[in-house]
Amino acid sequence: MSRNLDQRRTAILTEIAQLGPAMPGSLVFRHNRCARADCHCRADPPQLHGPYPAWTRKIDGKTVTRSLRPEQADRYQPWFDNARRLRELTDQLRQLAIEQAQADGDWPDT
């Protein structure tokens, strides 16, 4: 195993071990239109209500959305950031595995 690949793998695994909670899905901010006909959200141009934080994720292949309070969005934002970073780091680990297999010399160069 290449020493450089080994060092990169160790650095990635160390960073993963230091991550805190990782919340799946995304934090989004929605703007809504209400039902009142005389509301500013129905003007031209519309001035929609919001932003309202929401957590979206996939469950059994379906998108599920849950409304959050602003303080929840603030509290959980680092968790969403951790999940994004975790995905980036696992992608890097996969790439390292490909590089290792190619460096071993018995793997096609495609």
PDB file of N, CA and C in Angstrom:
ATOM      1  N   MET A   1       0.846  -1.176   0.000  1.00  0.00           N
ATOM      2  CA  MET A   1       0.000   0.000   0.000  1.00  0.00           C
ATOM      3  C   MET A   1       0.890   1.238   0.000  1.00  0.00           C
ATOM      4  N   SER A   2       0.565   2.190  -0.837  1.00  0.00           N
ATOM      5  CA  SER A   2       1.336   3.416  -0.925  1.00  0.00           C
ATOM      6  C   SER A   2       1.241   4.200   0.382  1.00  0.00           C
ATOM      7  N   ARG A   3       2.363   4.706   0.811  1.00  0.00           N
ATOM      8  CA  ARG A   3       2.378   5.468   2.064  1.00  0.00           C
ATOM      9  C   ARG A   3       1.508   6.717   1.960  1.00  0.00           C
ATOM     10  N   ASN A   4       1.532   7.380   0.799  1.00  0.00           N
ATOM     11  CA  ASN A   4       0.726   8.574   0.592  1.00  0.00           C
ATOM     12  C   ASN A   4      -0.766   8.251   0.698  1.00  0.00           C
ATOM     13  N   LEU A   5      -1.186   7.166   0.073  1.00  0.00           N
ATOM     14  CA  LEU A   5      -2.594   6.761   0.158  1.00  0.00           C
ATOM     15  C   LEU A   5      -2.972   6.429   1.597  1.00  0.00           C
ATOM     16  N   ASP A   6      -2.069   5.782   2.291  1.00  0.00           N
ATOM     17  CA  ASP A   6      -2.311   5.427   3.690  1.00  0.00           C
ATOM     18  C   ASP A   6      -2.460   6.670   4.563  1.00  0.00           C
ATOM     19  N   GLN A   7      -1.618   7.661   4.338  1.00  0.00           N
ATOM     20  CA  GLN A   7      -1.703   8.904   5.101  1.00  0.00           C
ATOM     21  C   GLN A   7      -3.002   9.650   4.804  1.00  0.00           C
ATOM     22  N   ARG A   8      -3.368   9.701   3.530  1.00  0.00           N
ATOM     23  CA  ARG A   8      -4.628  10.365   3.158  1.00  0.00           C
ATOM     24  C   ARG A   8      -5.819   9.656   3.784  1.00  0.00           C
ATOM     25  N   ARG A   9      -5.812   8.324   3.765  1.00  0.00           N
ATOM     26  CA  ARG A   9      -6.907   7.546   4.357  1.00  0.00           C
ATOM     27  C   ARG A   9      -6.995   7.806   5.864  1.00  0.00           C
ATOM     28  N   THR A  10      -5.857   7.825   6.533  1.00  0.00           N
ATOM     29  CA  THR A  10      -5.833   8.085   7.976  1.00  0.00           C
ATOM     30  C   THR A  10      -6.378   9.474   8.285  1.00  0.00           C
ATOM     31  N   ALA A  11      -5.992  10.464   7.495  1.00  0.00           N
ATOM     32  CA  ALA A  11      -6.476  11.832   7.712  1.00  0.00           C
ATOM     33  C   ALA A  11      -7.992  11.911   7.539  1.00  0.00           C
ATOM     34  N   ILE A  12      -8.516  11.236   6.531  1.00  0.00           N
ATOM     35  CA  ILE A  12      -9.965  11.228   6.289  1.00  0.00           C
ATOM     36  C   ILE A  12     -10.691  10.550   7.440  1.00  0.00           C
ATOM     37  N   LEU A  13     -10.191   9.399   7.867  1.00  0.00           N
ATOM     38  CA  LEU A  13     -10.835   8.669   8.959  1.00  0.00           C
ATOM     39  C   LEU A  13     -10.769   9.451  10.271  1.00  0.00           C
ATOM     40  N   THR A  14      -9.686  10.184  10.485  1.00  0.00           N
ATOM     41  CA  THR A  14      -9.575  11.018  11.679  1.00  0.00           C
ATOM     42  C   THR A  14     -10.619  12.127  11.653  1.00  0.00           C
ATOM     43  N   GLU A  15     -10.803  12.751  10.495  1.00  0.00           N
ATOM     44  CA  GLU A  15     -11.811  13.808  10.387  1.00  0.00           C
ATOM     45  C   GLU A  15     -13.222  13.248  10.584  1.00  0.00           C
ATOM     46  N   ILE A  16     -13.488  12.075  10.026  1.00  0.00           N
ATOM     47  CA  ILE A  16     -14.804  11.446  10.216  1.00  0.00           C
ATOM     48  C   ILE A  16     -15.060  11.187  11.702  1.00  0.00           C
ATOM     49  N   ALA A  17     -14.040  10.692  12.407  1.00  0.00           N
ATOM     50  CA  ALA A  17     -14.198  10.389  13.822  1.00  0.00           C
ATOM     51  C   ALA A  17     -14.481  11.638  14.656  1.00  0.00           C
ATOM     52  N   GLN A  18     -14.075  12.805  14.176  1.00  0.00           N
ATOM     53  CA  GLN A  18     -14.269  14.041  14.916  1.00  0.00           C
ATOM     54  C   GLN A  18     -15.591  14.738  14.602  1.00  0.00           C
ATOM     55  N   LEU A  19     -16.291  14.266  13.579  1.00  0.00           N
ATOM     56  CA  LEU A  19     -17.579  14.876  13.249  1.00  0.00           C
ATOM     57  C   LEU A  19     -18.590  14.606  14.360  1.00  0.00           C
ATOM     58  N   GLY A  20     -19.464  15.545  14.556  1.00  0.00           N
ATOM     59  CA  GLY A  20     -20.543  15.363  15.517  1.00  0.00           C
ATOM     60  C   GLY A  20     -21.729  14.699  14.833  1.00  0.00           C
ATOM     61  N   PRO A  21     -22.925  14.909  15.376  1.00  0.00           N
ATOM     62  CA  PRO A  21     -24.127  14.318  14.781  1.00  0.00           C
ATOM     63  C   PRO A  21     -24.283  14.747  13.320  1.00  0.00           C
ATOM     64  N   ALA A  22     -24.772  13.821  12.504  1.00  0.00           N
ATOM     65  CA  ALA A  22     -24.976  14.083  11.076  1.00  0.00           C
ATOM     66  C   ALA A  22     -26.438  13.819  10.736  1.00  0.00           C
ATOM     67  N   MET A  23     -27.155  14.887  10.395  1.00  0.00           N
ATOM     68  CA  MET A  23     -28.583  14.793  10.108  1.00  0.00           C
ATOM     69  C   MET A  23     -28.782  14.553   8.611  1.00  0.00           C
ATOM     70  N   PRO A  24     -29.489  13.484   8.252  1.00  0.00           N
ATOM     71  CA  PRO A  24     -29.726  13.235   6.829  1.00  0.00           C
ATOM     72  C   PRO A  24     -30.710  14.247   6.264  1.00  0.00           C
ATOM     73  N   GLY A  25     -30.617  14.489   4.977  1.00  0.00           N
ATOM     74  CA  GLY A  25     -31.555  15.387   4.321  1.00  0.00           C
ATOM     75  C   GLY A  25     -30.988  16.781   4.188  1.00  0.00           C
ATOM     76  N   SER A  26     -31.903  17.731   4.003  1.00  0.00           N
ATOM     77  CA  SER A  26     -31.513  19.119   3.765  1.00  0.00           C
ATOM     78  C   SER A  26     -32.356  20.064   4.595  1.00  0.00           C
ATOM     79  N   LEU A  27     -31.742  21.169   4.941  1.00  0.00           N
ATOM     80  CA  LEU A  27     -32.459  22.263   5.566  1.00  0.00           C
ATOM     81  C   LEU A  27     -32.775  23.257   4.460  1.00  0.00           C
ATOM     82  N   VAL A  28     -34.051  23.520   4.250  1.00  0.00           N
ATOM     83  CA  VAL A  28     -34.487  24.453   3.209  1.00  0.00           C
ATOM     84  C   VAL A  28     -35.326  25.549   3.853  1.00  0.00           C
ATOM     85  N   PHE A  29     -35.438  26.660   3.146  1.00  0.00           N
ATOM     86  CA  PHE A  29     -36.265  27.767   3.616  1.00  0.00           C
ATOM     87  C   PHE A  29     -37.322  28.046   2.562  1.00  0.00           C
ATOM     88  N   ARG A  30     -38.563  27.933   2.978  1.00  0.00           N
ATOM     89  CA  ARG A  30     -39.695  28.070   2.064  1.00  0.00           C
ATOM     90  C   ARG A  30     -40.362  29.424   2.238  1.00  0.00           C
ATOM     91  N   HIS A  31     -40.931  29.894   1.131  1.00  0.00           N
ATOM     92  CA  HIS A  31     -41.753  31.102   1.104  1.00  0.00           C
ATOM     93  C   HIS A  31     -43.123  30.685   0.596  1.00  0.00           C
ATOM     94  N   ASN A  32     -44.164  31.117   1.301  1.00  0.00           N
ATOM     95  CA  ASN A  32     -45.511  30.645   0.990  1.00  0.00           C
ATOM     96  C   ASN A  32     -46.444  31.789   0.615  1.00  0.00           C
ATOM     97  N   ARG A  33     -47.507  31.414  -0.052  1.00  0.00           N
ATOM     98  CA  ARG A  33     -48.615  32.313  -0.371  1.00  0.00           C
ATOM     99  C   ARG A  33     -49.815  31.854   0.443  1.00  0.00           C
ATOM    100  N   CYS A  34     -50.512  32.789   1.065  1.00  0.00           N
ATOM    101  CA  CYS A  34     -51.655  32.424   1.898  1.00  0.00           C
ATOM    102  C   CYS A  34     -52.956  32.486   1.079  1.00  0.00           C
ATOM    103  N   ALA A  35     -54.076  32.239   1.755  1.00  0.00           N
ATOM    104  CA  ALA A  35     -55.368  32.174   1.071  1.00  0.00           C
ATOM    105  C   ALA A  35     -56.089  33.515   1.023  1.00  0.00           C
ATOM    106  N   ARG A  36     -55.603  34.505   1.751  1.00  0.00           N
ATOM    107  CA  ARG A  36     -56.288  35.805   1.760  1.00  0.00           C
ATOM    108  C   ARG A  36     -56.131  36.508   0.422  1.00  0.00           C
ATOM    109  N   ALA A  37     -57.230  36.905  -0.171  1.00  0.00           N
ATOM    110  CA  ALA A  37     -57.202  37.540  -1.491  1.00  0.00           C
ATOM    111  C   ALA A  37     -56.558  38.924  -1.448  1.00  0.00           C
ATOM    112  N   ASP A  38     -56.661  39.639  -0.331  1.00  0.00           N
ATOM    113  CA  ASP A  38     -56.126  40.995  -0.239  1.00  0.00           C
ATOM    114  C   ASP A  38     -54.729  41.053   0.375  1.00  0.00           C
ATOM    115  N   CYS A  39     -54.062  39.957   0.501  1.00  0.00           N
ATOM    116  CA  CYS A  39     -52.742  39.889   1.139  1.00  0.00           C
ATOM    117  C   CYS A  39     -51.646  40.322   0.160  1.00  0.00           C
ATOM    118  N   HIS A  40     -50.563  40.868   0.717  1.00  0.00           N
ATOM    119  CA  HIS A  40     -49.417  41.295  -0.094  1.00  0.00           C
ATOM    120  C   HIS A  40     -48.766  40.130  -0.842  1.00  0.00           C
ATOM    121  N   CYS A  41     -49.016  38.905  -0.410  1.00  0.00           N
ATOM    122  CA  CYS A  41     -48.420  37.760  -1.110  1.00  0.00           C
ATOM    123  C   CYS A  41     -49.106  37.509  -2.455  1.00  0.00           C
ATOM    124  N   ARG A  42     -50.222  38.173  -2.706  1.00  0.00           N
ATOM    125  CA  ARG A  42     -50.938  38.032  -3.983  1.00  0.00           C
ATOM    126  C   ARG A  42     -50.739  39.254  -4.874  1.00  0.00           C
ATOM    127  N   ALA A  43     -49.911  40.190  -4.443  1.00  0.00           N
ATOM    128  CA  ALA A  43     -49.660  41.405  -5.218  1.00  0.00           C
ATOM    129  C   ALA A  43     -48.827  41.084  -6.446  1.00  0.00           C
ATOM    130  N   ASP A  44     -48.612  42.114  -7.271  1.00  0.00           N
ATOM    131  CA  ASP A  44     -47.779  41.955  -8.459  1.00  0.00           C
ATOM    132  C   ASP A  44     -46.646  42.967  -8.366  1.00  0.00           C
ATOM    133  N   PRO A  45     -45.432  42.592  -8.056  1.00  0.00           N
ATOM    134  CA  PRO A  45     -44.956  41.236  -7.803  1.00  0.00           C
ATOM    135  C   PRO A  45     -45.329  40.783  -6.386  1.00  0.00           C
ATOM    136  N   PRO A  46     -45.450  39.492  -6.207  1.00  0.00           N
ATOM    137  CA  PRO A  46     -45.850  38.976  -4.893  1.00  0.00           C
ATOM    138  C   PRO A  46     -44.737  39.143  -3.856  1.00  0.00           C
ATOM    139  N   GLN A  47     -45.136  39.382  -2.621  1.00  0.00           N
ATOM    140  CA  GLN A  47     -44.221  39.414  -1.485  1.00  0.00           C
ATOM    141  C   GLN A  47     -44.620  38.244  -0.579  1.00  0.00           C
ATOM    142  N   LEU A  48     -44.005  37.112  -0.826  1.00  0.00           N
ATOM    143  CA  LEU A  48     -44.406  35.884  -0.150  1.00  0.00           C
ATOM    144  C   LEU A  48     -44.069  35.908   1.332  1.00  0.00           C
ATOM    145  N   HIS A  49     -44.778  35.115   2.104  1.00  0.00           N
ATOM    146  CA  HIS A  49     -44.545  34.959   3.536  1.00  0.00           C
ATOM    147  C   HIS A  49     -43.330  34.054   3.744  1.00  0.00           C
ATOM    148  N   GLY A  50     -42.602  34.317   4.793  1.00  0.00           N
ATOM    149  CA  GLY A  50     -41.453  33.475   5.094  1.00  0.00           C
ATOM    150  C   GLY A  50     -40.214  34.320   5.246  1.00  0.00           C
ATOM    151  N   PRO A  51     -39.065  33.711   5.305  1.00  0.00           N
ATOM    152  CA  PRO A  51     -38.809  32.293   5.072  1.00  0.00           C
ATOM    153  C   PRO A  51     -39.153  31.425   6.279  1.00  0.00           C
ATOM    154  N   TYR A  52     -39.621  30.231   5.975  1.00  0.00           N
ATOM    155  CA  TYR A  52     -39.945  29.237   6.996  1.00  0.00           C
ATOM    156  C   TYR A  52     -39.002  28.051   6.825  1.00  0.00           C
ATOM    157  N   PRO A  53     -38.246  27.697   7.868  1.00  0.00           N
ATOM    158  CA  PRO A  53     -37.314  26.571   7.751  1.00  0.00           C
ATOM    159  C   PRO A  53     -38.063  25.240   7.707  1.00  0.00           C
ATOM    160  N   ALA A  54     -37.517  24.323   6.912  1.00  0.00           N
ATOM    161  CA  ALA A  54     -38.080  22.979   6.810  1.00  0.00           C
ATOM    162  C   ALA A  54     -36.943  21.984   6.593  1.00  0.00           C
ATOM    163  N   TRP A  55     -37.169  20.768   7.073  1.00  0.00           N
ATOM    164  CA  TRP A  55     -36.215  19.662   6.916  1.00  0.00           C
ATOM    165  C   TRP A  55     -36.815  18.708   5.899  1.00  0.00           C
ATOM    166  N   THR A  56     -36.082  18.463   4.815  1.00  0.00           N
ATOM    167  CA  THR A  56     -36.550  17.510   3.815  1.00  0.00           C
ATOM    168  C   THR A  56     -35.567  16.347   3.746  1.00  0.00           C
ATOM    169  N   ARG A  57     -36.130  15.156   3.503  1.00  0.00           N
ATOM    170  CA  ARG A  57     -35.310  13.956   3.362  1.00  0.00           C
ATOM    171  C   ARG A  57     -36.130  12.892   2.651  1.00  0.00           C
ATOM    172  N   LYS A  58     -35.461  11.842   2.235  1.00  0.00           N
ATOM    173  CA  LYS A  58     -36.129  10.718   1.578  1.00  0.00           C
ATOM    174  C   LYS A  58     -36.360   9.605   2.586  1.00  0.00           C
ATOM    175  N   ILE A  59     -37.582   9.095   2.592  1.00  0.00           N
ATOM    176  CA  ILE A  59     -37.930   7.919   3.384  1.00  0.00           C
ATOM    177  C   ILE A  59     -38.644   6.959   2.447  1.00  0.00           C
ATOM    178  N   ASP A  60     -38.073   5.773   2.270  1.00  0.00           N
ATOM    179  CA  ASP A  60     -38.629   4.771   1.363  1.00  0.00           C
ATOM    180  C   ASP A  60     -38.888   5.348  -0.025  1.00  0.00           C
ATOM    181  N   GLY A  61     -37.959   6.166  -0.512  1.00  0.00           N
ATOM    182  CA  GLY A  61     -38.050   6.713  -1.851  1.00  0.00           C
ATOM    183  C   GLY A  61     -38.982   7.907  -2.001  1.00  0.00           C
ATOM    184  N   LYS A  62     -39.579   8.353  -0.921  1.00  0.00           N
ATOM    185  CA  LYS A  62     -40.494   9.494  -0.983  1.00  0.00           C
ATOM    186  C   LYS A  62     -39.907  10.658  -0.197  1.00  0.00           C
ATOM    187  N   THR A  63     -40.080  11.862  -0.725  1.00  0.00           N
ATOM    188  CA  THR A  63     -39.613  13.041  -0.035  1.00  0.00           C
ATOM    189  C   THR A  63     -40.572  13.385   1.094  1.00  0.00           C
ATOM    190  N   VAL A  64     -40.006  13.561   2.273  1.00  0.00           N
ATOM    191  CA  VAL A  64     -40.780  13.912   3.463  1.00  0.00           C
ATOM    192  C   VAL A  64     -40.261  15.257   3.956  1.00  0.00           C
ATOM    193  N   THR A  65     -41.186  16.143   4.291  1.00  0.00           N
ATOM    194  CA  THR A  65     -40.820  17.475   4.760  1.00  0.00           C
ATOM    195  C   THR A  65     -41.422  17.715   6.139  1.00  0.00           C
ATOM    196  N   ARG A  66     -40.632  18.262   7.019  1.00  0.00           N
ATOM    197  CA  ARG A  66     -41.108  18.608   8.357  1.00  0.00           C
ATOM    198  C   ARG A  66     -40.743  20.072   8.618  1.00  0.00           C
ATOM    199  N   SER A  67     -41.724  20.853   9.030  1.00  0.00           N
ATOM    200  CA  SER A  67     -41.472  22.251   9.378  1.00  0.00           C
ATOM    201  C   SER A  67     -40.669  22.324  10.665  1.00  0.00           C
ATOM    202  N   LEU A  68     -39.778  23.302  10.716  1.00  0.00           N
ATOM    203  CA  LEU A  68     -38.961  23.525  11.904  1.00  0.00           C
ATOM    204  C   LEU A  68     -39.179  24.941  12.409  1.00  0.00           C
ATOM    205  N   ARG A  69     -38.981  25.118  13.689  1.00  0.00           N
ATOM    206  CA  ARG A  69     -38.965  26.463  14.246  1.00  0.00           C
ATOM    207  C   ARG A  69     -37.597  27.079  13.930  1.00  0.00           C
ATOM    208  N   PRO A  70     -37.504  28.398  13.848  1.00  0.00           N
ATOM    209  CA  PRO A  70     -36.205  29.018  13.538  1.00  0.00           C
ATOM    210  C   PRO A  70     -35.080  28.585  14.478  1.00  0.00           C
ATOM    211  N   GLU A  71     -35.389  28.432  15.768  1.00  0.00           N
ATOM    212  CA  GLU A  71     -34.335  28.018  16.702  1.00  0.00           C
ATOM    213  C   GLU A  71     -33.897  26.577  16.438  1.00  0.00           C
ATOM    214  N   GLN A  72     -34.817  25.740  15.961  1.00  0.00           N
ATOM    215  CA  GLN A  72     -34.431  24.371  15.589  1.00  0.00           C
ATOM    216  C   GLN A  72     -33.515  24.404  14.373  1.00  0.00           C
ATOM    217  N   ALA A  73     -33.842  25.235  13.401  1.00  0.00           N
ATOM    218  CA  ALA A  73     -32.998  25.347  12.206  1.00  0.00           C
ATOM    219  C   ALA A  73     -31.590  25.785  12.599  1.00  0.00           C
ATOM    220  N   ASP A  74     -31.496  26.760  13.508  1.00  0.00           N
ATOM    221  CA  ASP A  74     -30.182  27.218  13.958  1.00  0.00           C
ATOM    222  C   ASP A  74     -29.426  26.101  14.681  1.00  0.00           C
ATOM    223  N   ARG A  75     -30.132  25.357  15.507  1.00  0.00           N
ATOM    224  CA  ARG A  75     -29.504  24.292  16.297  1.00  0.00           C
ATOM    225  C   ARG A  75     -29.033  23.141  15.409  1.00  0.00           C
ATOM    226  N   TYR A  76     -29.835  22.797  14.400  1.00  0.00           N
ATOM    227  CA  TYR A  76     -29.517  21.625  13.586  1.00  0.00           C
ATOM    228  C   TYR A  76     -28.682  21.932  12.345  1.00  0.00           C
ATOM    229  N   GLN A  77     -28.490  23.197  12.001  1.00  0.00           N
ATOM    230  CA  GLN A  77     -27.680  23.524  10.824  1.00  0.00           C
ATOM    231  C   GLN A  77     -26.312  22.841  10.858  1.00  0.00           C
ATOM    232  N   PRO A  78     -25.586  22.857  11.991  1.00  0.00           N
ATOM    233  CA  PRO A  78     -24.291  22.152  12.014  1.00  0.00           C
ATOM    234  C   PRO A  78     -24.434  20.654  11.740  1.00  0.00           C
ATOM    235  N   TRP A  79     -25.547  20.056  12.124  1.00  0.00           N
ATOM    236  CA  TRP A  79     -25.757  18.633  11.862  1.00  0.00           C
ATOM    237  C   TRP A  79     -25.895  18.375  10.361  1.00  0.00           C
ATOM    238  N   PHE A  80     -26.607  19.259   9.665  1.00  0.00           N
ATOM    239  CA  PHE A  80     -26.726  19.130   8.208  1.00  0.00           C
ATOM    240  C   PHE A  80     -25.361  19.343   7.550  1.00  0.00           C
ATOM    241  N   ASP A  81     -24.592  20.305   8.073  1.00  0.00           N
ATOM    242  CA  ASP A  81     -23.238  20.539   7.561  1.00  0.00           C
ATOM    243  C   ASP A  81     -22.362  19.307   7.779  1.00  0.00           C
ATOM    244  N   ASN A  82     -22.492  18.658   8.945  1.00  0.00           N
ATOM    245  CA  ASN A  82     -21.719  17.444   9.221  1.00  0.00           C
ATOM    246  C   ASN A  82     -22.082  16.329   8.248  1.00  0.00           C
ATOM    247  N   ALA A  83     -23.367  16.188   7.936  1.00  0.00           N
ATOM    248  CA  ALA A  83     -23.791  15.145   6.998  1.00  0.00           C
ATOM    249  C   ALA A  83     -23.206  15.405   5.614  1.00  0.00           C
ATOM    250  N   ARG A  84     -23.205  16.666   5.199  1.00  0.00           N
ATOM    251  CA  ARG A  84     -22.630  17.013   3.895  1.00  0.00           C
ATOM    252  C   ARG A  84     -21.140  16.689   3.882  1.00  0.00           C
ATOM    253  N   ARG A  85     -20.436  17.047   4.957  1.00  0.00           N
ATOM    254  CA  ARG A  85     -19.000  16.772   5.028  1.00  0.00           C
ATOM    255  C   ARG A  85     -18.737  15.267   5.069  1.00  0.00           C
ATOM    256  N   LEU A  86     -19.571  14.522   5.780  1.00  0.00           N
ATOM    257  CA  LEU A  86     -19.427  13.073   5.827  1.00  0.00           C
ATOM    258  C   LEU A  86     -19.550  12.464   4.429  1.00  0.00           C
ATOM    259  N   ARG A  87     -20.518  12.947   3.637  1.00  0.00           N
ATOM    260  CA  ARG A  87     -20.660  12.458   2.255  1.00  0.00           C
ATOM    261  C   ARG A  87     -19.410  12.761   1.439  1.00  0.00           C
ATOM    262  N   GLU A  88     -18.857  13.975   1.606  1.00  0.00           N
ATOM    263  CA  GLU A  88     -17.640  14.339   0.880  1.00  0.00           C
ATOM    264  C   GLU A  88     -16.476  13.419   1.268  1.00  0.00           C
ATOM    265  N   LEU A  89     -16.350  13.159   2.556  1.00  0.00           N
ATOM    266  CA  LEU A  89     -15.238  12.323   3.020  1.00  0.00           C
ATOM    267  C   LEU A  89     -15.391  10.872   2.575  1.00  0.00           C
ATOM    268  N   THR A  90     -16.608  10.343   2.586  1.00  0.00           N
ATOM    269  CA  THR A  90     -16.782   8.955   2.120  1.00  0.00           C
ATOM    270  C   THR A  90     -16.535   8.866   0.615  1.00  0.00           C
ATOM    271  N   ASP A  91     -16.874   9.918  -0.129  1.00  0.00           N
ATOM    272  CA  ASP A  91     -16.528   9.934  -1.558  1.00  0.00           C
ATOM    273  C   ASP A  91     -15.016   9.896  -1.747  1.00  0.00           C
ATOM    274  N   GLN A  92     -14.301  10.631  -0.895  1.00  0.00           N
ATOM    275  CA  GLN A  92     -12.843  10.611  -0.971  1.00  0.00           C
ATOM    276  C   GLN A  92     -12.286   9.224  -0.637  1.00  0.00           C
ATOM    277  N   LEU A  93     -12.884   8.560   0.348  1.00  0.00           N
ATOM    278  CA  LEU A  93     -12.439   7.195   0.676  1.00  0.00           C
ATOM    279  C   LEU A  93     -12.656   6.246  -0.498  1.00  0.00           C
ATOM    280  N   ARG A  94     -13.792   6.383  -1.170  1.00  0.00           N
ATOM    281  CA  ARG A  94     -14.052   5.545  -2.351  1.00  0.00           C
ATOM    282  C   ARG A  94     -13.012   5.800  -3.432  1.00  0.00           C
ATOM    283  N   GLN A  95     -12.687   7.072  -3.648  1.00  0.00           N
ATOM    284  CA  GLN A  95     -11.688   7.411  -4.652  1.00  0.00           C
ATOM    285  C   GLN A  95     -10.327   6.840  -4.275  1.00  0.00           C
ATOM    286  N   LEU A  96      -9.994   6.874  -3.007  1.00  0.00           N
ATOM    287  CA  LEU A  96      -8.732   6.278  -2.555  1.00  0.00           C
ATOM    288  C   LEU A  96      -8.693   4.780  -2.824  1.00  0.00           C
ATOM    289  N   ALA A  97      -9.817   4.107  -2.635  1.00  0.00           N
ATOM    290  CA  ALA A  97      -9.871   2.669  -2.909  1.00  0.00           C
ATOM    291  C   ALA A  97      -9.601   2.400  -4.386  1.00  0.00           C
ATOM    292  N   ILE A  98     -10.161   3.232  -5.250  1.00  0.00           N
ATOM    293  CA  ILE A  98      -9.914   3.080  -6.692  1.00  0.00           C
ATOM    294  C   ILE A  98      -8.436   3.313  -6.995  1.00  0.00           C
ATOM    295  N   GLU A  99      -7.878   4.378  -6.411  1.00  0.00           N
ATOM    296  CA  GLU A  99      -6.460   4.661  -6.631  1.00  0.00           C
ATOM    297  C   GLU A  99      -5.584   3.513  -6.128  1.00  0.00           C
ATOM    298  N   GLN A 100      -5.941   2.929  -4.984  1.00  0.00           N
ATOM    299  CA  GLN A 100      -5.172   1.815  -4.432  1.00  0.00           C
ATOM    300  C   GLN A 100      -5.240   0.603  -5.355  1.00  0.00           C
ATOM    301  N   ALA A 101      -6.430   0.308  -5.842  1.00  0.00           N
ATOM    302  CA  ALA A 101      -6.582  -0.834  -6.744  1.00  0.00           C
ATOM    303  C   ALA A 101      -5.769  -0.624  -8.015  1.00  0.00           C
ATOM    304  N   GLN A 102      -5.757   0.589  -8.527  1.00  0.00           N
ATOM    305  CA  GLN A 102      -4.977   0.874  -9.737  1.00  0.00           C
ATOM    306  C   GLN A 102      -3.485   0.829  -9.436  1.00  0.00           C
ATOM    307  N   ALA A 103      -3.088   1.282  -8.251  1.00  0.00           N
ATOM    308  CA  ALA A 103      -1.674   1.262  -7.885  1.00  0.00           C
ATOM    309  C   ALA A 103      -1.158  -0.159  -7.688  1.00  0.00           C
ATOM    310  N   ASP A 104      -2.053  -1.084  -7.313  1.00  0.00           N
ATOM    311  CA  ASP A 104      -1.655  -2.473  -7.129  1.00  0.00           C
ATOM    312  C   ASP A 104      -1.257  -3.127  -8.439  1.00  0.00           C
ATOM    313  N   GLY A 105      -1.639  -2.525  -9.556  1.00  0.00           N
ATOM    314  CA  GLY A 105      -1.220  -3.024 -10.859  1.00  0.00           C
ATOM    315  C   GLY A 105      -2.062  -4.125 -11.436  1.00  0.00           C
ATOM    316  N   ASP A 106      -3.040  -4.656 -10.726  1.00  0.00           N
ATOM    317  CA  ASP A 106      -3.860  -5.726 -11.281  1.00  0.00           C
ATOM    318  C   ASP A 106      -5.302  -5.250 -11.534  1.00  0.00           C
ATOM    319  N   TRP A 107      -5.447  -3.959 -11.751  1.00  0.00           N
ATOM    320  CA  TRP A 107      -6.758  -3.361 -11.983  1.00  0.00           C
ATOM    321  C   TRP A 107      -6.716  -2.606 -13.290  1.00  0.00           C
ATOM    322  N   PRO A 108      -7.766  -2.663 -14.102  1.00  0.00           N
ATOM    323  CA  PRO A 108      -7.744  -1.919 -15.366  1.00  0.00           C
ATOM    324  C   PRO A 108      -7.651  -0.410 -15.133  1.00  0.00           C
ATOM    325  N   ASP A 109      -7.077   0.299 -16.083  1.00  0.00           N
ATOM    326  CA  ASP A 109      -6.884   1.746 -15.963  1.00  0.00           C
ATOM    327  C   ASP A 109      -8.111   2.536 -16.421  1.00  0.00           C
ATOM    328  N   THR A 110      -9.297   1.988 -16.379  1.00  0.00           N
ATOM    329  CA  THR A 110     -10.471   2.733 -16.846  1.00  0.00           C
ATOM    330  C   THR A 110     -11.145   3.456 -15.735  1.00  0.00           C
TER     331      THR A 110
END
